[in-house]
Amino acid sequence: MYAAGDVLDKKVGKLTPTAIFEPEYLTDLFSGVTDKSIDYPAVPSAVFTTPRIAQVSISVDEDETNSN
């Protein structure tokens, strides 16, 4: 069974870019285009406040894991 989007408990934000990326990845996986595990791109997020705040990055945990 496969699921995509907000129903999954994952560290990647439940945002529109993630919801678009997951079905495209599954399509490639099922059609044989890829056999690699899912690797999320940087997911942008924004907070609508004054002043405006936005970010695109990886989490501290991902940075510590990838720096080894």
Foldseek 3Di string as FASTA:
>chain_A
DDDAAPVDDDPDDRDDVRRVPVVVVVVCCVVVVDVDDDDDAFDKDWDPDVVTDIDTDDDPVVVVVVVD
